[in-house]
Amino acid sequence: MNLTVEVNNNIVPALFFESEIIEIIQKISGYDKKIRGLVEINIISDAEMRQINKQYRGKNKVTDVLSFAWQEDKIVASNFLGQIYICLPQIKRQAKEYGVTAQEEFKRMLTHGLLHLIGYDHQVKSDEKKMFTLQNKILLGL
């Protein structure tokens, strides 16, 4: 199964063209064979992120990225890998806080979200080390 990417962006101005986001994800997919199928990327506002975070995680606050993996529990047989929601205003705030460009922070959060879709997590220290080691390796190659 190949990788298919769908980008939904209602935020203007965008940090990247849709073709650039697809190219980034295709490069990331070279690091793990589980990155296959359809990935939906949604670039959203603070209000949208707060609503989604509250609805699905019970947290009434804005966050940078949320991932919803469709194949995580193997309940539904599907070519749909999952959805990633990236809050562009939060990305811009974090970029300023971390002293990086918004484009760099967007790539970091896109990579982070994609790794969550294929089962990486950072709730436990050992898992966190694996996830962030791979995330940093990928970012160095972008």
Protein backbone atom coordinates (compact mmCIF):
# COMPACT_ATOMS: atom_id res chain seq x y z
CA MET A 1 0.00 0.00 0.00
CA ASN A 2 1.36 3.37 -0.96
CA LEU A 3 1.08 6.55 1.02
CA THR A 4 -1.69 9.02 0.18
CA VAL A 5 -1.92 12.41 1.86
CA GLU A 6 -4.92 14.70 2.06
CA VAL A 7 -4.32 18.24 3.34
CA ASN A 8 -7.11 20.46 4.67
CA ASN A 9 -5.95 23.99 5.41
CA ASN A 10 -8.31 26.82 6.25
CA ILE A 11 -5.63 29.02 7.78
CA VAL A 12 -4.25 31.87 5.68
CA PRO A 13 -1.44 32.50 5.11
CA ALA A 14 -0.19 28.94 5.04
CA LEU A 15 3.35 28.01 6.06
CA PHE A 16 3.67 25.46 3.27
CA PHE A 17 1.98 24.65 0.01
CA GLU A 18 0.00 21.39 0.05
CA SER A 19 2.61 19.81 -2.26
CA GLU A 20 5.38 20.69 0.24
CA ILE A 21 3.48 19.03 3.12
CA ILE A 22 2.98 15.91 1.00
CA GLU A 23 6.69 15.87 0.14
CA ILE A 24 7.64 16.17 3.83
CA ILE A 25 5.36 13.26 4.77
CA GLN A 26 6.71 11.13 1.92
CA LYS A 27 10.25 11.73 3.22
CA ILE A 28 9.18 10.83 6.76
CA SER A 29 7.56 7.62 5.47
CA GLY A 30 10.99 6.38 4.44
CA TYR A 31 11.91 5.95 8.12
CA ASP A 32 9.21 3.41 9.01
CA LYS A 33 7.39 0.92 6.77
CA LYS A 34 4.20 1.28 8.85
CA ILE A 35 3.63 4.75 7.37
CA ARG A 36 1.32 3.57 4.59
CA GLY A 37 -2.23 4.30 3.57
CA LEU A 38 -4.24 7.49 3.71
CA VAL A 39 -3.16 10.25 6.08
CA GLU A 40 -5.36 13.29 6.57
CA ILE A 41 -3.63 16.50 7.71
CA ASN A 42 -5.84 19.25 9.13
CA ILE A 43 -4.34 22.67 9.81
CA ILE A 44 -6.65 24.41 12.22
CA SER A 45 -7.23 27.44 14.46
CA ASP A 46 -6.98 27.79 18.23
CA ALA A 47 -10.77 27.57 18.60
CA GLU A 48 -10.97 24.39 16.54
CA MET A 49 -8.11 22.76 18.45
CA ARG A 50 -9.60 23.67 21.82
CA GLN A 51 -12.92 22.12 20.80
CA ILE A 52 -11.34 18.89 19.50
CA ASN A 53 -9.05 18.59 22.53
CA LYS A 54 -12.00 19.07 24.87
CA GLN A 55 -14.22 16.63 22.99
CA TYR A 56 -11.72 13.78 22.66
CA ARG A 57 -9.30 14.28 25.54
CA GLY A 58 -11.39 16.19 28.07
CA LYS A 59 -8.88 19.06 28.09
CA ASN A 60 -10.33 22.54 27.53
CA LYS A 61 -7.15 24.04 26.14
CA VAL A 62 -5.23 24.51 22.93
CA THR A 63 -2.48 22.05 22.08
CA ASP A 64 -0.04 21.88 19.17
CA VAL A 65 -0.92 18.55 17.54
CA LEU A 66 -3.45 15.76 17.96
CA SER A 67 -3.33 12.44 16.15
CA PHE A 68 -6.12 9.93 15.70
CA ALA A 69 -4.84 6.54 14.56
CA TRP A 70 -7.44 4.44 12.80
CA GLN A 71 -5.40 1.24 12.76
CA GLU A 72 -4.13 1.45 16.33
CA ASP A 73 -6.36 -1.25 17.84
CA LYS A 74 -6.78 -3.21 14.56
CA ILE A 75 -10.55 -3.03 15.09
CA VAL A 76 -11.33 -1.61 11.67
CA ALA A 77 -9.64 -3.01 8.57
CA SER A 78 -8.88 0.08 6.55
CA ASN A 79 -6.28 1.77 4.38
CA PHE A 80 -6.88 4.93 6.43
CA LEU A 81 -3.85 5.40 8.68
CA GLY A 82 -5.35 8.34 10.55
CA GLN A 83 -5.83 12.05 11.03
CA ILE A 84 -3.44 14.71 12.29
CA TYR A 85 -4.68 18.07 13.53
CA ILE A 86 -2.07 20.83 13.74
CA CYS A 87 -2.91 24.15 15.37
CA LEU A 88 -1.07 26.74 13.32
CA PRO A 89 -1.35 29.63 15.81
CA GLN A 90 0.08 27.36 18.54
CA ILE A 91 2.90 26.29 16.21
CA LYS A 92 3.78 29.96 15.66
CA ARG A 93 3.79 30.65 19.42
CA GLN A 94 5.99 27.63 20.11
CA ALA A 95 8.39 28.55 17.33
CA LYS A 96 8.86 31.96 18.91
CA GLU A 97 9.29 30.39 22.36
CA TYR A 98 11.86 27.84 21.11
CA GLY A 99 13.72 30.29 18.86
CA VAL A 100 13.05 28.40 15.62
CA THR A 101 11.12 29.25 12.48
CA ALA A 102 7.43 28.41 12.29
CA GLN A 103 8.27 26.11 9.37
CA GLU A 104 10.75 24.15 11.53
CA GLU A 105 8.23 23.81 14.34
CA PHE A 106 5.53 22.74 11.89
CA LYS A 107 7.82 19.98 10.55
CA ARG A 108 8.56 18.86 14.11
CA MET A 109 4.87 18.63 14.99
CA LEU A 110 3.99 16.96 11.69
CA THR A 111 6.66 14.33 12.34
CA HIS A 112 5.48 13.96 15.94
CA GLY A 113 1.87 13.48 14.86
CA LEU A 114 2.80 10.94 12.19
CA LEU A 115 4.81 8.90 14.69
CA HIS A 116 1.77 8.79 16.99
CA LEU A 117 -0.29 7.39 14.09
CA ILE A 118 2.00 4.39 13.80
CA GLY A 119 2.05 3.61 17.51
CA TYR A 120 4.85 5.69 19.01
CA ASP A 121 4.05 7.35 22.32
CA HIS A 122 5.76 9.24 25.12
CA GLN A 123 3.73 8.36 28.20
CA VAL A 124 6.48 6.08 29.55
CA LYS A 125 10.12 7.20 29.73
CA SER A 126 11.47 4.29 27.65
CA ASP A 127 8.85 4.86 24.93
CA GLU A 128 9.56 8.59 25.02
CA LYS A 129 13.24 7.96 24.36
CA LYS A 130 12.46 5.74 21.34
CA MET A 131 9.96 8.22 19.91
CA PHE A 132 12.07 11.34 20.34
CA THR A 133 15.24 9.62 19.10
CA LEU A 134 13.47 8.68 15.86
CA GLN A 135 11.76 12.07 15.65
CA ASN A 136 15.11 13.87 15.91
CA LYS A 137 16.69 11.52 13.34
CA ILE A 138 13.87 12.25 10.90
CA LEU A 139 14.07 16.01 11.44
CA LEU A 140 17.79 15.99 10.71
CA GLY A 141 16.98 14.38 7.34
CA LEU A 142 14.29 16.88 6.32
